[in-house]
PDB file of N, CA and C in Angstrom:
ATOM      1  N   MET A   1     -24.261  -4.910  -0.009  1.00  0.00           N
ATOM      2  CA  MET A   1     -25.930  -3.908   0.316  1.00  0.00           C
ATOM      3  C   MET A   1     -26.525  -5.518   0.155  1.00  0.00           C
ATOM      4  N   ARG A   2     -27.836  -5.069   1.263  1.00  0.00           N
ATOM      5  CA  ARG A   2     -29.192  -6.141   1.292  1.00  0.00           C
ATOM      6  C   ARG A   2     -30.372  -5.395   0.370  1.00  0.00           C
ATOM      7  N   VAL A   3     -30.957  -6.062  -0.277  1.00  0.00           N
ATOM      8  CA  VAL A   3     -31.858  -5.725  -1.136  1.00  0.00           C
ATOM      9  C   VAL A   3     -33.058  -6.526  -0.730  1.00  0.00           C
ATOM     10  N   ARG A   4     -34.071  -5.723  -0.634  1.00  0.00           N
ATOM     11  CA  ARG A   4     -35.668  -6.540  -0.624  1.00  0.00           C
ATOM     12  C   ARG A   4     -36.604  -6.092  -1.786  1.00  0.00           C
ATOM     13  N   TYR A   5     -37.034  -7.099  -1.746  1.00  0.00           N
ATOM     14  CA  TYR A   5     -38.002  -7.142  -2.908  1.00  0.00           C
ATOM     15  C   TYR A   5     -39.477  -6.868  -2.678  1.00  0.00           C
ATOM     16  N   PHE A   6     -40.428  -6.411  -3.096  1.00  0.00           N
ATOM     17  CA  PHE A   6     -42.025  -6.611  -2.378  1.00  0.00           C
ATOM     18  C   PHE A   6     -42.623  -6.870  -3.651  1.00  0.00           C
ATOM     19  N   ALA A   7     -43.777  -7.456  -3.513  1.00  0.00           N
ATOM     20  CA  ALA A   7     -44.860  -7.896  -4.542  1.00  0.00           C
ATOM     21  C   ALA A   7     -44.588  -7.943  -5.587  1.00  0.00           C
ATOM     22  N   VAL A   8     -44.943  -7.252  -6.899  1.00  0.00           N
ATOM     23  CA  VAL A   8     -44.600  -7.853  -7.928  1.00  0.00           C
ATOM     24  C   VAL A   8     -43.201  -7.402  -8.395  1.00  0.00           C
ATOM     25  N   VAL A   9     -42.277  -6.800  -7.778  1.00  0.00           N
ATOM     26  CA  VAL A   9     -41.089  -7.168  -7.673  1.00  0.00           C
ATOM     27  C   VAL A   9     -40.181  -8.552  -7.218  1.00  0.00           C
ATOM     28  N   ARG A  10     -41.077  -9.160  -6.352  1.00  0.00           N
ATOM     29  CA  ARG A  10     -40.459 -10.112  -5.843  1.00  0.00           C
ATOM     30  C   ARG A  10     -40.807 -11.111  -6.836  1.00  0.00           C
ATOM     31  N   GLU A  11     -41.932 -11.060  -7.327  1.00  0.00           N
ATOM     32  CA  GLU A  11     -42.645 -12.339  -7.888  1.00  0.00           C
ATOM     33  C   GLU A  11     -42.064 -12.122  -9.536  1.00  0.00           C
ATOM     34  N   LYS A  12     -41.579 -11.241 -10.307  1.00  0.00           N
ATOM     35  CA  LYS A  12     -40.560 -10.707 -11.170  1.00  0.00           C
ATOM     36  C   LYS A  12     -38.965 -11.559 -10.910  1.00  0.00           C
ATOM     37  N   THR A  13     -38.583 -11.599  -9.472  1.00  0.00           N
ATOM     38  CA  THR A  13     -37.497 -11.851  -9.418  1.00  0.00           C
ATOM     39  C   THR A  13     -37.584 -12.838  -9.028  1.00  0.00           C
ATOM     40  N   GLY A  14     -38.603 -13.739  -7.852  1.00  0.00           N
ATOM     41  CA  GLY A  14     -38.441 -14.748  -7.737  1.00  0.00           C
ATOM     42  C   GLY A  14     -37.536 -15.080  -6.166  1.00  0.00           C
ATOM     43  N   LEU A  15     -37.220 -13.793  -6.051  1.00  0.00           N
ATOM     44  CA  LEU A  15     -36.860 -14.022  -4.374  1.00  0.00           C
ATOM     45  C   LEU A  15     -37.399 -12.966  -3.587  1.00  0.00           C
ATOM     46  N   ASP A  16     -37.725 -12.790  -2.174  1.00  0.00           N
ATOM     47  CA  ASP A  16     -37.872 -12.399  -0.961  1.00  0.00           C
ATOM     48  C   ASP A  16     -36.560 -10.941  -1.277  1.00  0.00           C
ATOM     49  N   GLU A  17     -35.250 -11.644  -1.154  1.00  0.00           N
ATOM     50  CA  GLU A  17     -34.184 -10.527  -1.028  1.00  0.00           C
ATOM     51  C   GLU A  17     -33.059 -11.029  -1.555  1.00  0.00           C
ATOM     52  N   GLU A  18     -31.993 -10.668  -1.454  1.00  0.00           N
ATOM     53  CA  GLU A  18     -30.860 -10.878  -2.139  1.00  0.00           C
ATOM     54  C   GLU A  18     -29.256  -9.874  -1.839  1.00  0.00           C
ATOM     55  N   THR A  19     -28.054 -10.175  -1.578  1.00  0.00           N
ATOM     56  CA  THR A  19     -26.811  -9.272  -1.495  1.00  0.00           C
ATOM     57  C   THR A  19     -26.214  -8.602  -2.745  1.00  0.00           C
ATOM     58  N   TRP A  20     -25.825  -7.850  -3.063  1.00  0.00           N
ATOM     59  CA  TRP A  20     -25.273  -6.849  -4.011  1.00  0.00           C
ATOM     60  C   TRP A  20     -24.060  -6.642  -3.846  1.00  0.00           C
ATOM     61  N   ASP A  21     -23.072  -6.544  -4.085  1.00  0.00           N
ATOM     62  CA  ASP A  21     -22.061  -6.129  -4.248  1.00  0.00           C
ATOM     63  C   ASP A  21     -21.846  -4.415  -4.586  1.00  0.00           C
ATOM     64  N   VAL A  22     -21.277  -3.344  -3.557  1.00  0.00           N
ATOM     65  CA  VAL A  22     -21.262  -2.139  -4.346  1.00  0.00           C
ATOM     66  C   VAL A  22     -20.184  -1.754  -4.395  1.00  0.00           C
ATOM     67  N   VAL A  23     -20.320  -0.935  -6.106  1.00  0.00           N
ATOM     68  CA  VAL A  23     -18.958  -0.633  -6.708  1.00  0.00           C
ATOM     69  C   VAL A  23     -19.001   0.745  -6.387  1.00  0.00           C
ATOM     70  N   ASP A  24     -17.456   1.442  -5.534  1.00  0.00           N
ATOM     71  CA  ASP A  24     -17.137   2.327  -5.240  1.00  0.00           C
ATOM     72  C   ASP A  24     -18.142   3.881  -5.956  1.00  0.00           C
ATOM     73  N   GLY A  25     -18.817   4.368  -5.610  1.00  0.00           N
ATOM     74  CA  GLY A  25     -19.374   5.489  -6.581  1.00  0.00           C
ATOM     75  C   GLY A  25     -20.665   5.105  -6.954  1.00  0.00           C
ATOM     76  N   ALA A  26     -20.904   3.962  -6.744  1.00  0.00           N
ATOM     77  CA  ALA A  26     -22.247   3.617  -7.909  1.00  0.00           C
ATOM     78  C   ALA A  26     -23.627   4.356  -6.483  1.00  0.00           C
ATOM     79  N   THR A  27     -24.600   4.386  -7.442  1.00  0.00           N
ATOM     80  CA  THR A  27     -25.525   5.176  -7.272  1.00  0.00           C
ATOM     81  C   THR A  27     -26.661   4.733  -7.492  1.00  0.00           C
ATOM     82  N   VAL A  28     -28.353   5.745  -7.075  1.00  0.00           N
ATOM     83  CA  VAL A  28     -29.130   4.569  -7.245  1.00  0.00           C
ATOM     84  C   VAL A  28     -29.481   4.451  -8.476  1.00  0.00           C
ATOM     85  N   ALA A  29     -29.221   5.239  -9.328  1.00  0.00           N
ATOM     86  CA  ALA A  29     -29.504   5.510 -10.964  1.00  0.00           C
ATOM     87  C   ALA A  29     -28.930   4.132 -11.858  1.00  0.00           C
ATOM     88  N   ALA A  30     -27.640   4.065 -11.067  1.00  0.00           N
ATOM     89  CA  ALA A  30     -26.347   2.728 -11.245  1.00  0.00           C
ATOM     90  C   ALA A  30     -27.218   1.664 -11.238  1.00  0.00           C
ATOM     91  N   PHE A  31     -27.999   1.547  -9.824  1.00  0.00           N
ATOM     92  CA  PHE A  31     -28.810   0.290  -9.074  1.00  0.00           C
ATOM     93  C   PHE A  31     -29.487  -0.068 -10.308  1.00  0.00           C
ATOM     94  N   ARG A  32     -30.672   1.084 -10.428  1.00  0.00           N
ATOM     95  CA  ARG A  32     -31.735   0.682 -11.041  1.00  0.00           C
ATOM     96  C   ARG A  32     -31.322   0.536 -12.328  1.00  0.00           C
ATOM     97  N   GLU A  33     -30.399   0.966 -13.346  1.00  0.00           N
ATOM     98  CA  GLU A  33     -29.814  -0.188 -14.081  1.00  0.00           C
ATOM     99  C   GLU A  33     -29.581  -1.375 -14.045  1.00  0.00           C
ATOM    100  N   ALA A  34     -28.793  -1.412 -13.502  1.00  0.00           N
ATOM    101  CA  ALA A  34     -28.421  -3.041 -13.285  1.00  0.00           C
ATOM    102  C   ALA A  34     -29.435  -3.782 -12.688  1.00  0.00           C
ATOM    103  N   MET A  35     -30.161  -3.390 -12.031  1.00  0.00           N
ATOM    104  CA  MET A  35     -31.407  -4.082 -11.742  1.00  0.00           C
ATOM    105  C   MET A  35     -32.415  -4.825 -12.909  1.00  0.00           C
ATOM    106  N   ALA A  36     -32.708  -3.433 -13.841  1.00  0.00           N
ATOM    107  CA  ALA A  36     -32.971  -4.016 -15.460  1.00  0.00           C
ATOM    108  C   ALA A  36     -32.393  -4.939 -15.782  1.00  0.00           C
ATOM    109  N   ALA A  37     -31.039  -4.976 -15.838  1.00  0.00           N
ATOM    110  CA  ALA A  37     -30.341  -5.511 -16.907  1.00  0.00           C
ATOM    111  C   ALA A  37     -30.356  -6.893 -16.430  1.00  0.00           C
ATOM    112  N   LYS A  38     -30.505  -7.085 -15.164  1.00  0.00           N
ATOM    113  CA  LYS A  38     -30.415  -8.692 -14.032  1.00  0.00           C
ATOM    114  C   LYS A  38     -31.536  -9.237 -14.334  1.00  0.00           C
ATOM    115  N   TYR A  39     -32.777  -8.441 -14.142  1.00  0.00           N
ATOM    116  CA  TYR A  39     -34.135  -8.836 -14.094  1.00  0.00           C
ATOM    117  C   TYR A  39     -34.918  -8.258 -15.431  1.00  0.00           C
ATOM    118  N   PRO A  40     -34.672  -8.570 -16.485  1.00  0.00           N
ATOM    119  CA  PRO A  40     -35.210  -7.699 -17.859  1.00  0.00           C
ATOM    120  C   PRO A  40     -36.842  -7.828 -17.612  1.00  0.00           C
ATOM    121  N   THR A  41     -37.317  -8.797 -17.098  1.00  0.00           N
ATOM    122  CA  THR A  41     -38.664  -8.548 -16.925  1.00  0.00           C
ATOM    123  C   THR A  41     -39.401  -7.033 -15.730  1.00  0.00           C
ATOM    124  N   LEU A  42     -38.144  -6.934 -15.315  1.00  0.00           N
ATOM    125  CA  LEU A  42     -38.470  -5.593 -14.678  1.00  0.00           C
ATOM    126  C   LEU A  42     -38.354  -4.347 -15.045  1.00  0.00           C
ATOM    127  N   ALA A  43     -37.646  -4.311 -16.601  1.00  0.00           N
ATOM    128  CA  ALA A  43     -37.590  -3.274 -17.167  1.00  0.00           C
ATOM    129  C   ALA A  43     -38.341  -2.144 -17.204  1.00  0.00           C
ATOM    130  N   ALA A  44     -39.549  -2.621 -17.875  1.00  0.00           N
ATOM    131  CA  ALA A  44     -40.562  -2.189 -18.095  1.00  0.00           C
ATOM    132  C   ALA A  44     -41.279  -1.110 -17.129  1.00  0.00           C
ATOM    133  N   LEU A  45     -41.059  -1.854 -15.331  1.00  0.00           N
ATOM    134  CA  LEU A  45     -41.787  -1.255 -14.712  1.00  0.00           C
ATOM    135  C   LEU A  45     -40.712  -0.344 -13.576  1.00  0.00           C
ATOM    136  N   MET A  46     -39.606  -0.510 -13.838  1.00  0.00           N
ATOM    137  CA  MET A  46     -38.549   0.137 -13.310  1.00  0.00           C
ATOM    138  C   MET A  46     -38.704   1.812 -13.017  1.00  0.00           C
ATOM    139  N   PRO A  47     -39.220   2.403 -14.282  1.00  0.00           N
ATOM    140  CA  PRO A  47     -39.988   3.856 -13.950  1.00  0.00           C
ATOM    141  C   PRO A  47     -40.602   4.314 -13.125  1.00  0.00           C
ATOM    142  N   ARG A  48     -41.382   3.139 -12.740  1.00  0.00           N
ATOM    143  CA  ARG A  48     -42.490   3.164 -11.694  1.00  0.00           C
ATOM    144  C   ARG A  48     -42.182   2.483 -10.304  1.00  0.00           C
ATOM    145  N   ILE A  49     -41.125   2.160 -10.573  1.00  0.00           N
ATOM    146  CA  ILE A  49     -40.478   1.248  -8.899  1.00  0.00           C
ATOM    147  C   ILE A  49     -40.035   2.526  -8.213  1.00  0.00           C
ATOM    148  N   VAL A  50     -40.001   2.831  -7.151  1.00  0.00           N
ATOM    149  CA  VAL A  50     -39.553   3.431  -5.931  1.00  0.00           C
ATOM    150  C   VAL A  50     -38.437   2.738  -5.308  1.00  0.00           C
ATOM    151  N   VAL A  51     -37.045   3.665  -4.695  1.00  0.00           N
ATOM    152  CA  VAL A  51     -36.154   2.707  -4.195  1.00  0.00           C
ATOM    153  C   VAL A  51     -35.888   3.220  -3.010  1.00  0.00           C
ATOM    154  N   SER A  52     -35.669   2.329  -2.213  1.00  0.00           N
ATOM    155  CA  SER A  52     -35.791   3.605  -0.710  1.00  0.00           C
ATOM    156  C   SER A  52     -34.483   2.619  -0.427  1.00  0.00           C
ATOM    157  N   VAL A  53     -33.589   3.319   0.527  1.00  0.00           N
ATOM    158  CA  VAL A  53     -32.112   3.236   1.131  1.00  0.00           C
ATOM    159  C   VAL A  53     -32.374   3.630   2.828  1.00  0.00           C
ATOM    160  N   ASN A  54     -31.644   2.235   3.486  1.00  0.00           N
ATOM    161  CA  ASN A  54     -31.840   2.485   4.876  1.00  0.00           C
ATOM    162  C   ASN A  54     -33.349   3.210   5.388  1.00  0.00           C
ATOM    163  N   ARG A  55     -34.220   2.917   4.347  1.00  0.00           N
ATOM    164  CA  ARG A  55     -35.758   2.729   5.031  1.00  0.00           C
ATOM    165  C   ARG A  55     -35.843   4.358   4.743  1.00  0.00           C
ATOM    166  N   GLU A  56     -35.720   4.914   3.831  1.00  0.00           N
ATOM    167  CA  GLU A  56     -36.063   6.188   3.209  1.00  0.00           C
ATOM    168  C   GLU A  56     -35.452   6.374   1.773  1.00  0.00           C
ATOM    169  N   TYR A  57     -37.010   7.073   1.361  1.00  0.00           N
ATOM    170  CA  TYR A  57     -36.974   7.168  -0.336  1.00  0.00           C
ATOM    171  C   TYR A  57     -35.692   8.118  -0.640  1.00  0.00           C
ATOM    172  N   ALA A  58     -35.176   7.905  -1.729  1.00  0.00           N
ATOM    173  CA  ALA A  58     -33.717   7.840  -2.520  1.00  0.00           C
ATOM    174  C   ALA A  58     -33.912   8.186  -3.514  1.00  0.00           C
ATOM    175  N   LYS A  59     -33.133   9.667  -3.364  1.00  0.00           N
ATOM    176  CA  LYS A  59     -33.061  10.007  -5.307  1.00  0.00           C
ATOM    177  C   LYS A  59     -32.204   9.376  -5.914  1.00  0.00           C
ATOM    178  N   LYS A  60     -31.976   9.839  -7.286  1.00  0.00           N
ATOM    179  CA  LYS A  60     -31.461   9.082  -8.093  1.00  0.00           C
ATOM    180  C   LYS A  60     -29.583   9.081  -8.252  1.00  0.00           C
ATOM    181  N   ASP A  61     -29.364  10.545  -7.874  1.00  0.00           N
ATOM    182  CA  ASP A  61     -27.716  10.053  -7.614  1.00  0.00           C
ATOM    183  C   ASP A  61     -27.570  10.156  -6.275  1.00  0.00           C
ATOM    184  N   LEU A  62     -28.108   9.650  -5.302  1.00  0.00           N
ATOM    185  CA  LEU A  62     -27.455   9.419  -3.785  1.00  0.00           C
ATOM    186  C   LEU A  62     -26.327   7.912  -3.886  1.00  0.00           C
ATOM    187  N   VAL A  63     -25.246   7.813  -3.419  1.00  0.00           N
ATOM    188  CA  VAL A  63     -24.350   7.189  -3.489  1.00  0.00           C
ATOM    189  C   VAL A  63     -24.298   5.936  -2.778  1.00  0.00           C
ATOM    190  N   LEU A  64     -24.292   4.923  -3.130  1.00  0.00           N
ATOM    191  CA  LEU A  64     -24.652   3.287  -2.263  1.00  0.00           C
ATOM    192  C   LEU A  64     -23.423   3.371  -1.583  1.00  0.00           C
ATOM    193  N   ARG A  65     -23.440   2.265  -0.536  1.00  0.00           N
ATOM    194  CA  ARG A  65     -22.549   2.236   0.309  1.00  0.00           C
ATOM    195  C   ARG A  65     -22.603   0.501   0.918  1.00  0.00           C
ATOM    196  N   ASP A  66     -21.080  -0.137   1.310  1.00  0.00           N
ATOM    197  CA  ASP A  66     -21.494  -1.221   1.815  1.00  0.00           C
ATOM    198  C   ASP A  66     -22.025  -1.192   3.165  1.00  0.00           C
ATOM    199  N   GLY A  67     -23.378  -2.348   3.573  1.00  0.00           N
ATOM    200  CA  GLY A  67     -24.100  -2.176   4.544  1.00  0.00           C
ATOM    201  C   GLY A  67     -25.236  -1.225   4.504  1.00  0.00           C
ATOM    202  N   ASP A  68     -25.547  -1.084   3.432  1.00  0.00           N
ATOM    203  CA  ASP A  68     -26.618  -0.181   3.145  1.00  0.00           C
ATOM    204  C   ASP A  68     -27.766  -1.037   2.911  1.00  0.00           C
ATOM    205  N   GLU A  69     -29.261  -0.820   2.988  1.00  0.00           N
ATOM    206  CA  GLU A  69     -30.251  -1.552   2.732  1.00  0.00           C
ATOM    207  C   GLU A  69     -30.846  -1.112   1.715  1.00  0.00           C
ATOM    208  N   ALA A  70     -31.345  -1.383   0.504  1.00  0.00           N
ATOM    209  CA  ALA A  70     -32.214  -1.292  -0.229  1.00  0.00           C
ATOM    210  C   ALA A  70     -33.313  -1.911  -0.244  1.00  0.00           C
ATOM    211  N   ALA A  71     -34.637  -1.157  -0.642  1.00  0.00           N
ATOM    212  CA  ALA A  71     -35.818  -1.950  -0.931  1.00  0.00           C
ATOM    213  C   ALA A  71     -36.388  -1.243  -2.119  1.00  0.00           C
ATOM    214  N   LEU A  72     -36.826  -2.522  -2.826  1.00  0.00           N
ATOM    215  CA  LEU A  72     -38.127  -1.768  -4.372  1.00  0.00           C
ATOM    216  C   LEU A  72     -38.895  -1.656  -4.338  1.00  0.00           C
ATOM    217  N   ILE A  73     -39.961  -1.198  -4.074  1.00  0.00           N
ATOM    218  CA  ILE A  73     -41.198  -0.771  -3.976  1.00  0.00           C
ATOM    219  C   ILE A  73     -42.133  -0.041  -4.870  1.00  0.00           C
ATOM    220  N   PRO A  74     -42.980  -1.183  -5.153  1.00  0.00           N
ATOM    221  CA  PRO A  74     -43.945  -1.036  -6.976  1.00  0.00           C
ATOM    222  C   PRO A  74     -44.806  -0.214  -6.042  1.00  0.00           C
ATOM    223  N   PRO A  75     -45.818   0.441  -7.664  1.00  0.00           N
ATOM    224  CA  PRO A  75     -46.222   1.063  -7.327  1.00  0.00           C
ATOM    225  C   PRO A  75     -47.782   0.582  -6.897  1.00  0.00           C
ATOM    226  N   ILE A  76     -48.576   1.203  -5.736  1.00  0.00           N
ATOM    227  CA  ILE A  76     -49.861   0.397  -5.092  1.00  0.00           C
ATOM    228  C   ILE A  76     -51.159   1.103  -5.682  1.00  0.00           C
ATOM    229  N   ALA A  77     -51.759  -0.178  -5.822  1.00  0.00           N
ATOM    230  CA  ALA A  77     -53.053   0.610  -6.607  1.00  0.00           C
ATOM    231  C   ALA A  77     -53.786  -0.718  -5.943  1.00  0.00           C
ATOM    232  N   GLY A  78     -55.037  -0.164  -6.405  1.00  0.00           N
ATOM    233  CA  GLY A  78     -56.392  -0.810  -5.592  1.00  0.00           C
ATOM    234  C   GLY A  78     -57.489   0.299  -4.927  1.00  0.00           C
ATOM    235  N   GLY A  79     -58.145  -1.095  -4.202  1.00  0.00           N
ATOM    236  CA  GLY A  79     -59.055  -0.197  -3.357  1.00  0.00           C
ATOM    237  C   GLY A  79     -60.265   0.298  -4.336  1.00  0.00           C
ATOM    238  N   SER A  80     -61.452   0.444  -3.709  1.00  0.00           N
ATOM    239  CA  SER A  80     -62.810   0.731  -4.564  1.00  0.00           C
ATOM    240  C   SER A  80     -63.291   2.266  -4.879  1.00  0.00           C
ATOM    241  N   GLY A  81     -62.207   2.805  -3.883  1.00  0.00           N
ATOM    242  CA  GLY A  81     -62.711   4.552  -4.406  1.00  0.00           C
ATOM    243  C   GLY A  81     -63.876   4.838  -3.758  1.00  0.00           C
ATOM    244  N   ILE A  82     -64.424   4.429  -2.764  1.00  0.00           N
ATOM    245  CA  ILE A  82     -65.315   4.397  -1.907  1.00  0.00           C
ATOM    246  C   ILE A  82     -65.211   4.668  -0.574  1.00  0.00           C
ATOM    247  N   TRP A  83     -65.502   5.546  -0.023  1.00  0.00           N
ATOM    248  CA  TRP A  83     -64.970   5.247   1.215  1.00  0.00           C
ATOM    249  C   TRP A  83     -66.091   5.714   2.426  1.00  0.00           C
TER     250      TRP A  83
END
C-alpha cells in the first residue's frame, strides 16, 4: 500500500511517502496503531489525524488491501478569522 504524508506528518516521519505491506484483514484502525508504534512522535497527533484511502475519508473499520493508497491528513489551522 502506498502511504502519503502531508504537513506535520511529513515533518515527523521525514518522508513524503512510503510503501507498507498490508496484512490480510488489516483495518484503518490497525494501520493507525501501527503508525503510532513506528513513529512515536506521531502518537499524540494520531487522534486528530484523518486517514483517507483511495482519496476518500476512511472509517476505522475499513479493511485495507494491496494496491490501496492511504494518506495521513493532519488538522488544518490558521487564518485570521477575518473575511
